[in-house]
Amino acid sequence: MRYTLQKIISFSEIIEPKEKVNIIMEDPDDNRVLECAKEGNVDYIVTNDRHLLKLKEFEGIKIITPAELLRLIKNIKIN
């Protein structure tokens, strides 16, 4: 477990959003995920959270399940 955590930290970046959003009313804490994703300029949010998944996309950021991510990875062609 310790090795896994160290590995994740080695390629992680701490994001401190400058802008607040208030998109998800049912679970306001989920808005923090959107804020970090936007500030981090990410392409995808990978989650099983139903409130986030209901959006499908936020400001060009696709919101997908882990299963969808695995399907995407499986279809990537490496030259």
PDB file of N, CA and C in Angstrom:
ATOM      1  N   MET A   1       0.823  -1.190   0.000  1.00  0.00           N
ATOM      2  CA  MET A   1       0.000   0.000   0.000  1.00  0.00           C
ATOM      3  C   MET A   1       0.870   1.258   0.000  1.00  0.00           C
ATOM      4  N   ARG A   2       1.908   1.261   0.810  1.00  0.00           N
ATOM      5  CA  ARG A   2       2.785   2.413   0.906  1.00  0.00           C
ATOM      6  C   ARG A   2       3.450   2.698  -0.444  1.00  0.00           C
ATOM      7  N   TYR A   3       3.906   1.627  -1.129  1.00  0.00           N
ATOM      8  CA  TYR A   3       4.542   1.779  -2.437  1.00  0.00           C
ATOM      9  C   TYR A   3       3.561   2.385  -3.438  1.00  0.00           C
ATOM     10  N   THR A   4       2.336   1.909  -3.424  1.00  0.00           N
ATOM     11  CA  THR A   4       1.305   2.413  -4.345  1.00  0.00           C
ATOM     12  C   THR A   4       1.064   3.898  -4.109  1.00  0.00           C
ATOM     13  N   LEU A   5       0.945   4.295  -2.871  1.00  0.00           N
ATOM     14  CA  LEU A   5       0.729   5.695  -2.543  1.00  0.00           C
ATOM     15  C   LEU A   5       1.914   6.550  -3.000  1.00  0.00           C
ATOM     16  N   GLN A   6       3.127   6.075  -2.757  1.00  0.00           N
ATOM     17  CA  GLN A   6       4.316   6.813  -3.194  1.00  0.00           C
ATOM     18  C   GLN A   6       4.349   6.948  -4.711  1.00  0.00           C
ATOM     19  N   LYS A   7       3.966   5.906  -5.405  1.00  0.00           N
ATOM     20  CA  LYS A   7       3.934   5.937  -6.873  1.00  0.00           C
ATOM     21  C   LYS A   7       2.934   6.970  -7.373  1.00  0.00           C
ATOM     22  N   ILE A   8       1.751   6.992  -6.784  1.00  0.00           N
ATOM     23  CA  ILE A   8       0.724   7.964  -7.175  1.00  0.00           C
ATOM     24  C   ILE A   8       1.218   9.383  -6.909  1.00  0.00           C
ATOM     25  N   ILE A   9       1.802   9.615  -5.760  1.00  0.00           N
ATOM     26  CA  ILE A   9       2.314  10.940  -5.409  1.00  0.00           C
ATOM     27  C   ILE A   9       3.400  11.386  -6.384  1.00  0.00           C
ATOM     28  N   SER A  10       4.189  10.452  -6.876  1.00  0.00           N
ATOM     29  CA  SER A  10       5.317  10.798  -7.756  1.00  0.00           C
ATOM     30  C   SER A  10       4.866  11.443  -9.068  1.00  0.00           C
ATOM     31  N   PHE A  11       3.656  11.162  -9.523  1.00  0.00           N
ATOM     32  CA  PHE A  11       3.196  11.780 -10.766  1.00  0.00           C
ATOM     33  C   PHE A  11       1.947  12.655 -10.553  1.00  0.00           C
ATOM     34  N   SER A  12       1.710  13.044  -9.308  1.00  0.00           N
ATOM     35  CA  SER A  12       0.556  13.882  -8.984  1.00  0.00           C
ATOM     36  C   SER A  12       0.962  15.343  -8.862  1.00  0.00           C
ATOM     37  N   GLU A  13      -0.023  16.197  -9.021  1.00  0.00           N
ATOM     38  CA  GLU A  13       0.184  17.631  -8.864  1.00  0.00           C
ATOM     39  C   GLU A  13      -0.927  18.169  -7.972  1.00  0.00           C
ATOM     40  N   ILE A  14      -0.563  18.938  -6.965  1.00  0.00           N
ATOM     41  CA  ILE A  14      -1.560  19.532  -6.087  1.00  0.00           C
ATOM     42  C   ILE A  14      -2.130  20.764  -6.779  1.00  0.00           C
ATOM     43  N   ILE A  15      -3.452  20.806  -6.867  1.00  0.00           N
ATOM     44  CA  ILE A  15      -4.154  21.892  -7.537  1.00  0.00           C
ATOM     45  C   ILE A  15      -4.933  22.695  -6.506  1.00  0.00           C
ATOM     46  N   GLU A  16      -4.768  24.007  -6.548  1.00  0.00           N
ATOM     47  CA  GLU A  16      -5.540  24.898  -5.694  1.00  0.00           C
ATOM     48  C   GLU A  16      -6.362  25.808  -6.598  1.00  0.00           C
ATOM     49  N   PRO A  17      -7.625  25.465  -6.798  1.00  0.00           N
ATOM     50  CA  PRO A  17      -8.480  26.234  -7.713  1.00  0.00           C
ATOM     51  C   PRO A  17      -8.615  27.697  -7.308  1.00  0.00           C
ATOM     52  N   LYS A  18      -8.590  28.546  -8.305  1.00  0.00           N
ATOM     53  CA  LYS A  18      -8.766  29.981  -8.076  1.00  0.00           C
ATOM     54  C   LYS A  18     -10.226  30.387  -8.260  1.00  0.00           C
ATOM     55  N   GLU A  19     -10.967  29.560  -8.958  1.00  0.00           N
ATOM     56  CA  GLU A  19     -12.349  29.885  -9.294  1.00  0.00           C
ATOM     57  C   GLU A  19     -13.302  28.857  -8.689  1.00  0.00           C
ATOM     58  N   LYS A  20     -14.376  29.323  -8.074  1.00  0.00           N
ATOM     59  CA  LYS A  20     -15.403  28.444  -7.506  1.00  0.00           C
ATOM     60  C   LYS A  20     -16.501  28.208  -8.537  1.00  0.00           C
ATOM     61  N   VAL A  21     -17.085  27.019  -8.509  1.00  0.00           N
ATOM     62  CA  VAL A  21     -18.249  26.734  -9.341  1.00  0.00           C
ATOM     63  C   VAL A  21     -19.366  26.209  -8.441  1.00  0.00           C
ATOM     64  N   ASN A  22     -20.585  26.379  -8.897  1.00  0.00           N
ATOM     65  CA  ASN A  22     -21.749  25.905  -8.145  1.00  0.00           C
ATOM     66  C   ASN A  22     -22.689  25.236  -9.136  1.00  0.00           C
ATOM     67  N   ILE A  23     -22.248  24.115  -9.674  1.00  0.00           N
ATOM     68  CA  ILE A  23     -22.968  23.393 -10.723  1.00  0.00           C
ATOM     69  C   ILE A  23     -23.832  22.279 -10.132  1.00  0.00           C
ATOM     70  N   ILE A  24     -23.283  21.545  -9.172  1.00  0.00           N
ATOM     71  CA  ILE A  24     -23.970  20.371  -8.615  1.00  0.00           C
ATOM     72  C   ILE A  24     -24.617  20.755  -7.283  1.00  0.00           C
ATOM     73  N   MET A  25     -25.905  20.956  -7.319  1.00  0.00           N
ATOM     74  CA  MET A  25     -26.653  21.385  -6.129  1.00  0.00           C
ATOM     75  C   MET A  25     -26.902  20.225  -5.159  1.00  0.00           C
ATOM     76  N   GLU A  26     -27.091  19.000  -5.713  1.00  0.00           N
ATOM     77  CA  GLU A  26     -27.432  17.842  -4.873  1.00  0.00           C
ATOM     78  C   GLU A  26     -26.306  17.450  -3.939  1.00  0.00           C
ATOM     79  N   ASP A  27     -25.048  17.717  -4.342  1.00  0.00           N
ATOM     80  CA  ASP A  27     -23.880  17.362  -3.537  1.00  0.00           C
ATOM     81  C   ASP A  27     -22.802  18.415  -3.782  1.00  0.00           C
ATOM     82  N   PRO A  28     -22.889  19.541  -3.073  1.00  0.00           N
ATOM     83  CA  PRO A  28     -21.983  20.667  -3.312  1.00  0.00           C
ATOM     84  C   PRO A  28     -20.492  20.314  -3.236  1.00  0.00           C
ATOM     85  N   ASP A  29     -20.122  19.301  -2.463  1.00  0.00           N
ATOM     86  CA  ASP A  29     -18.706  18.902  -2.388  1.00  0.00           C
ATOM     87  C   ASP A  29     -18.172  18.444  -3.746  1.00  0.00           C
ATOM     88  N   ASP A  30     -19.044  17.940  -4.596  1.00  0.00           N
ATOM     89  CA  ASP A  30     -18.615  17.501  -5.931  1.00  0.00           C
ATOM     90  C   ASP A  30     -18.122  18.666  -6.788  1.00  0.00           C
ATOM     91  N   ASN A  31     -18.554  19.857  -6.458  1.00  0.00           N
ATOM     92  CA  ASN A  31     -18.100  21.032  -7.197  1.00  0.00           C
ATOM     93  C   ASN A  31     -16.588  21.217  -7.076  1.00  0.00           C
ATOM     94  N   ARG A  32     -15.999  20.781  -5.974  1.00  0.00           N
ATOM     95  CA  ARG A  32     -14.538  20.886  -5.787  1.00  0.00           C
ATOM     96  C   ARG A  32     -13.800  20.067  -6.838  1.00  0.00           C
ATOM     97  N   VAL A  33     -14.371  18.930  -7.194  1.00  0.00           N
ATOM     98  CA  VAL A  33     -13.766  18.090  -8.235  1.00  0.00           C
ATOM     99  C   VAL A  33     -13.757  18.848  -9.563  1.00  0.00           C
ATOM    100  N   LEU A  34     -14.872  19.494  -9.865  1.00  0.00           N
ATOM    101  CA  LEU A  34     -14.955  20.284 -11.103  1.00  0.00           C
ATOM    102  C   LEU A  34     -13.961  21.440 -11.089  1.00  0.00           C
ATOM    103  N   GLU A  35     -13.848  22.101  -9.951  1.00  0.00           N
ATOM    104  CA  GLU A  35     -12.906  23.222  -9.832  1.00  0.00           C
ATOM    105  C   GLU A  35     -11.476  22.770 -10.066  1.00  0.00           C
ATOM    106  N   CYS A  36     -11.099  21.664  -9.449  1.00  0.00           N
ATOM    107  CA  CYS A  36      -9.730  21.137  -9.603  1.00  0.00           C
ATOM    108  C   CYS A  36      -9.478  20.673 -11.033  1.00  0.00           C
ATOM    109  N   ALA A  37     -10.457  20.038 -11.629  1.00  0.00           N
ATOM    110  CA  ALA A  37     -10.307  19.562 -13.005  1.00  0.00           C
ATOM    111  C   ALA A  37     -10.103  20.727 -13.959  1.00  0.00           C
ATOM    112  N   LYS A  38     -10.881  21.777 -13.751  1.00  0.00           N
ATOM    113  CA  LYS A  38     -10.767  22.958 -14.611  1.00  0.00           C
ATOM    114  C   LYS A  38      -9.407  23.623 -14.413  1.00  0.00           C
ATOM    115  N   GLU A  39      -9.021  23.835 -13.187  1.00  0.00           N
ATOM    116  CA  GLU A  39      -7.735  24.481 -12.883  1.00  0.00           C
ATOM    117  C   GLU A  39      -6.555  23.634 -13.368  1.00  0.00           C
ATOM    118  N   GLY A  40      -6.718  22.316 -13.278  1.00  0.00           N
ATOM    119  CA  GLY A  40      -5.660  21.407 -13.704  1.00  0.00           C
ATOM    120  C   GLY A  40      -5.624  21.181 -15.202  1.00  0.00           C
ATOM    121  N   ASN A  41      -6.601  21.757 -15.904  1.00  0.00           N
ATOM    122  CA  ASN A  41      -6.653  21.642 -17.362  1.00  0.00           C
ATOM    123  C   ASN A  41      -6.627  20.182 -17.823  1.00  0.00           C
ATOM    124  N   VAL A  42      -7.496  19.376 -17.221  1.00  0.00           N
ATOM    125  CA  VAL A  42      -7.532  17.941 -17.533  1.00  0.00           C
ATOM    126  C   VAL A  42      -8.474  17.650 -18.689  1.00  0.00           C
ATOM    127  N   ASP A  43      -8.325  16.484 -19.263  1.00  0.00           N
ATOM    128  CA  ASP A  43      -9.198  16.046 -20.349  1.00  0.00           C
ATOM    129  C   ASP A  43     -10.380  15.228 -19.831  1.00  0.00           C
ATOM    130  N   TYR A  44     -10.150  14.497 -18.734  1.00  0.00           N
ATOM    131  CA  TYR A  44     -11.169  13.594 -18.204  1.00  0.00           C
ATOM    132  C   TYR A  44     -11.248  13.676 -16.694  1.00  0.00           C
ATOM    133  N   ILE A  45     -12.452  13.470 -16.179  1.00  0.00           N
ATOM    134  CA  ILE A  45     -12.682  13.166 -14.772  1.00  0.00           C
ATOM    135  C   ILE A  45     -13.149  11.720 -14.777  1.00  0.00           C
ATOM    136  N   VAL A  46     -12.464  10.868 -14.033  1.00  0.00           N
ATOM    137  CA  VAL A  46     -12.825   9.449 -13.964  1.00  0.00           C
ATOM    138  C   VAL A  46     -13.427   9.207 -12.583  1.00  0.00           C
ATOM    139  N   THR A  47     -14.676   8.780 -12.565  1.00  0.00           N
ATOM    140  CA  THR A  47     -15.397   8.667 -11.302  1.00  0.00           C
ATOM    141  C   THR A  47     -16.550   7.675 -11.400  1.00  0.00           C
ATOM    142  N   ASN A  48     -17.015   7.261 -10.246  1.00  0.00           N
ATOM    143  CA  ASN A  48     -18.270   6.505 -10.167  1.00  0.00           C
ATOM    144  C   ASN A  48     -19.351   7.343  -9.492  1.00  0.00           C
ATOM    145  N   ASP A  49     -19.047   8.606  -9.226  1.00  0.00           N
ATOM    146  CA  ASP A  49     -19.990   9.497  -8.564  1.00  0.00           C
ATOM    147  C   ASP A  49     -21.153   9.825  -9.502  1.00  0.00           C
ATOM    148  N   ARG A  50     -22.349   9.517  -9.075  1.00  0.00           N
ATOM    149  CA  ARG A  50     -23.517   9.670  -9.948  1.00  0.00           C
ATOM    150  C   ARG A  50     -23.824  11.129 -10.286  1.00  0.00           C
ATOM    151  N   HIS A  51     -23.546  12.046  -9.357  1.00  0.00           N
ATOM    152  CA  HIS A  51     -23.809  13.457  -9.630  1.00  0.00           C
ATOM    153  C   HIS A  51     -22.884  13.991 -10.720  1.00  0.00           C
ATOM    154  N   LEU A  52     -21.624  13.618 -10.642  1.00  0.00           N
ATOM    155  CA  LEU A  52     -20.666  14.043 -11.665  1.00  0.00           C
ATOM    156  C   LEU A  52     -20.976  13.379 -13.000  1.00  0.00           C
ATOM    157  N   LEU A  53     -21.250  12.082 -12.976  1.00  0.00           N
ATOM    158  CA  LEU A  53     -21.525  11.347 -14.213  1.00  0.00           C
ATOM    159  C   LEU A  53     -22.754  11.887 -14.934  1.00  0.00           C
ATOM    160  N   LYS A  54     -23.717  12.393 -14.173  1.00  0.00           N
ATOM    161  CA  LYS A  54     -24.927  12.933 -14.772  1.00  0.00           C
ATOM    162  C   LYS A  54     -24.606  14.122 -15.699  1.00  0.00           C
ATOM    163  N   LEU A  55     -23.535  14.852 -15.385  1.00  0.00           N
ATOM    164  CA  LEU A  55     -23.139  15.987 -16.225  1.00  0.00           C
ATOM    165  C   LEU A  55     -22.607  15.544 -17.591  1.00  0.00           C
ATOM    166  N   LYS A  56     -21.897  14.424 -17.625  1.00  0.00           N
ATOM    167  CA  LYS A  56     -21.262  13.870 -18.826  1.00  0.00           C
ATOM    168  C   LYS A  56     -20.071  14.702 -19.322  1.00  0.00           C
ATOM    169  N   GLU A  57     -20.146  16.032 -19.150  1.00  0.00           N
ATOM    170  CA  GLU A  57     -19.069  16.905 -19.585  1.00  0.00           C
ATOM    171  C   GLU A  57     -19.172  18.222 -18.820  1.00  0.00           C
ATOM    172  N   PHE A  58     -18.018  18.813 -18.555  1.00  0.00           N
ATOM    173  CA  PHE A  58     -17.973  20.106 -17.884  1.00  0.00           C
ATOM    174  C   PHE A  58     -16.879  20.940 -18.535  1.00  0.00           C
ATOM    175  N   GLU A  59     -17.282  22.005 -19.201  1.00  0.00           N
ATOM    176  CA  GLU A  59     -16.353  22.916 -19.870  1.00  0.00           C
ATOM    177  C   GLU A  59     -15.314  22.172 -20.715  1.00  0.00           C
ATOM    178  N   GLY A  60     -15.793  21.210 -21.485  1.00  0.00           N
ATOM    179  CA  GLY A  60     -14.926  20.455 -22.382  1.00  0.00           C
ATOM    180  C   GLY A  60     -14.233  19.269 -21.745  1.00  0.00           C
ATOM    181  N   ILE A  61     -14.420  19.083 -20.447  1.00  0.00           N
ATOM    182  CA  ILE A  61     -13.823  17.954 -19.716  1.00  0.00           C
ATOM    183  C   ILE A  61     -14.838  16.816 -19.705  1.00  0.00           C
ATOM    184  N   LYS A  62     -14.472  15.688 -20.269  1.00  0.00           N
ATOM    185  CA  LYS A  62     -15.379  14.536 -20.295  1.00  0.00           C
ATOM    186  C   LYS A  62     -15.386  13.871 -18.917  1.00  0.00           C
ATOM    187  N   ILE A  63     -16.559  13.454 -18.494  1.00  0.00           N
ATOM    188  CA  ILE A  63     -16.715  12.785 -17.200  1.00  0.00           C
ATOM    189  C   ILE A  63     -17.142  11.355 -17.478  1.00  0.00           C
ATOM    190  N   ILE A  64     -16.258  10.409 -17.125  1.00  0.00           N
ATOM    191  CA  ILE A  64     -16.470   9.004 -17.470  1.00  0.00           C
ATOM    192  C   ILE A  64     -16.248   8.096 -16.265  1.00  0.00           C
ATOM    193  N   THR A  65     -16.717   6.868 -16.401  1.00  0.00           N
ATOM    194  CA  THR A  65     -16.518   5.863 -15.352  1.00  0.00           C
ATOM    195  C   THR A  65     -15.154   5.195 -15.535  1.00  0.00           C
ATOM    196  N   PRO A  66     -14.661   4.512 -14.501  1.00  0.00           N
ATOM    197  CA  PRO A  66     -13.415   3.755 -14.655  1.00  0.00           C
ATOM    198  C   PRO A  66     -13.526   2.710 -15.776  1.00  0.00           C
ATOM    199  N   ALA A  67     -14.687   2.082 -15.924  1.00  0.00           N
ATOM    200  CA  ALA A  67     -14.870   1.089 -16.988  1.00  0.00           C
ATOM    201  C   ALA A  67     -14.722   1.735 -18.363  1.00  0.00           C
ATOM    202  N   GLU A  68     -15.263   2.939 -18.524  1.00  0.00           N
ATOM    203  CA  GLU A  68     -15.122   3.646 -19.799  1.00  0.00           C
ATOM    204  C   GLU A  68     -13.662   4.002 -20.060  1.00  0.00           C
ATOM    205  N   LEU A  69     -12.940   4.376 -19.013  1.00  0.00           N
ATOM    206  CA  LEU A  69     -11.508   4.674 -19.166  1.00  0.00           C
ATOM    207  C   LEU A  69     -10.759   3.436 -19.642  1.00  0.00           C
ATOM    208  N   LEU A  70     -11.051   2.308 -19.051  1.00  0.00           N
ATOM    209  CA  LEU A  70     -10.380   1.062 -19.464  1.00  0.00           C
ATOM    210  C   LEU A  70     -10.662   0.736 -20.923  1.00  0.00           C
ATOM    211  N   ARG A  71     -11.907   0.965 -21.365  1.00  0.00           N
ATOM    212  CA  ARG A  71     -12.234   0.738 -22.777  1.00  0.00           C
ATOM    213  C   ARG A  71     -11.437   1.681 -23.676  1.00  0.00           C
ATOM    214  N   LEU A  72     -11.315   2.947 -23.272  1.00  0.00           N
ATOM    215  CA  LEU A  72     -10.526   3.912 -24.041  1.00  0.00           C
ATOM    216  C   LEU A  72      -9.060   3.484 -24.133  1.00  0.00           C
ATOM    217  N   ILE A  73      -8.508   3.090 -23.012  1.00  0.00           N
ATOM    218  CA  ILE A  73      -7.107   2.666 -22.975  1.00  0.00           C
ATOM    219  C   ILE A  73      -6.897   1.444 -23.865  1.00  0.00           C
ATOM    220  N   LYS A  74      -7.839   0.530 -23.808  1.00  0.00           N
ATOM    221  CA  LYS A  74      -7.754  -0.701 -24.594  1.00  0.00           C
ATOM    222  C   LYS A  74      -7.724  -0.406 -26.093  1.00  0.00           C
ATOM    223  N   ASN A  75      -8.386   0.670 -26.495  1.00  0.00           N
ATOM    224  CA  ASN A  75      -8.476   1.020 -27.921  1.00  0.00           C
ATOM    225  C   ASN A  75      -7.348   1.913 -28.407  1.00  0.00           C
ATOM    226  N   ILE A  76      -6.457   2.340 -27.514  1.00  0.00           N
ATOM    227  CA  ILE A  76      -5.338   3.187 -27.931  1.00  0.00           C
ATOM    228  C   ILE A  76      -4.330   2.353 -28.712  1.00  0.00           C
ATOM    229  N   LYS A  77      -3.984   2.856 -29.862  1.00  0.00           N
ATOM    230  CA  LYS A  77      -2.997   2.187 -30.706  1.00  0.00           C
ATOM    231  C   LYS A  77      -1.628   2.819 -30.426  1.00  0.00           C
ATOM    232  N   ILE A  78      -0.674   2.021 -30.043  1.00  0.00           N
ATOM    233  CA  ILE A  78       0.681   2.517 -29.783  1.00  0.00           C
ATOM    234  C   ILE A  78       1.550   2.167 -30.980  1.00  0.00           C
ATOM    235  N   ASN A  79       2.160   3.188 -31.557  1.00  0.00           N
ATOM    236  CA  ASN A  79       3.018   2.979 -32.733  1.00  0.00           C
ATOM    237  C   ASN A  79       4.433   2.666 -32.348  1.00  0.00           C
TER     238      ASN A  79
END
